[in-house]
Protein backbone atom coordinates (compact mmCIF):
# COMPACT_ATOMS: atom_id res chain seq x y z
CA UNK A 1 -85.58 159.13 149.44
CA UNK A 2 -87.81 159.50 146.40
CA UNK A 3 -87.48 157.66 143.14
CA UNK A 4 -85.31 159.40 140.54
CA UNK A 5 -86.33 157.13 137.65
CA UNK A 6 -88.45 158.24 134.72
CA UNK A 7 -91.19 157.20 134.82
CA UNK A 8 -91.33 157.07 138.63
CA UNK A 9 -91.34 153.55 140.12
CA UNK A 10 -94.61 152.29 141.60
CA UNK A 11 -95.05 152.62 145.37
CA UNK A 12 -94.89 149.54 147.65
CA UNK A 13 -98.68 149.64 148.03
CA UNK A 14 -99.41 149.78 144.28
CA UNK A 15 -100.73 146.70 142.49
CA UNK A 16 -97.68 146.75 140.18
CA UNK A 17 -95.13 147.36 142.97
CA UNK A 18 -92.80 144.61 141.73
CA UNK A 19 -92.34 146.52 138.45
CA UNK A 20 -89.99 148.98 140.21
CA UNK A 21 -86.37 149.23 139.05
CA UNK A 22 -83.87 146.77 140.57
CA UNK A 23 -81.28 148.75 142.56
CA UNK A 24 -79.40 145.83 144.17
CA UNK A 25 -79.00 142.51 142.37
CA UNK A 26 -78.30 139.46 144.54
CA UNK A 27 -79.36 136.84 141.99
CA UNK A 28 -76.77 134.38 143.36
CA UNK A 29 -78.84 134.38 146.58
CA UNK A 30 -82.19 134.55 144.79
CA UNK A 31 -83.31 138.10 145.66
CA UNK A 32 -83.30 141.69 144.42
CA UNK A 33 -83.90 145.04 146.14
CA UNK A 34 -86.23 147.32 144.23
CA UNK A 35 -86.22 151.13 144.13
CA UNK A 36 -89.45 151.30 146.16
CA UNK A 37 -87.88 149.33 149.03
CA UNK A 38 -89.33 145.91 148.28
CA UNK A 39 -87.19 142.77 148.40
CA UNK A 40 -88.23 140.58 145.47
CA UNK A 41 -87.46 136.85 145.53
CA UNK A 42 -86.98 134.67 142.45
CA UNK A 43 -90.15 132.74 143.29
CA UNK A 44 -92.18 135.97 143.02
CA UNK A 45 -92.60 136.58 146.75
CA UNK A 46 -91.65 139.93 148.24
CA UNK A 47 -91.01 141.66 151.56
CA UNK A 48 -90.93 145.30 152.58
CA UNK A 49 -87.36 146.52 153.18
CA UNK A 50 -86.59 149.27 155.67
CA UNK A 51 -85.52 152.63 154.27
CA UNK A 52 -82.27 154.02 155.64
CA UNK A 53 -81.30 157.66 155.44
CA UNK A 54 -78.00 158.33 153.72
CA UNK A 55 -75.25 159.18 156.21
């Protein structure tokens, strides 16, 4: 799935990857899923999230 935001969100490999739009907010648990598939933690760390095809 490609980003539908304007401007397009940065890719996971871009230096500014954490600037992507938040698409799932789990602030009560301390993390957010970004449009580019990254999981961003409140402490600034991040992980790559798997991409799932829509059923």
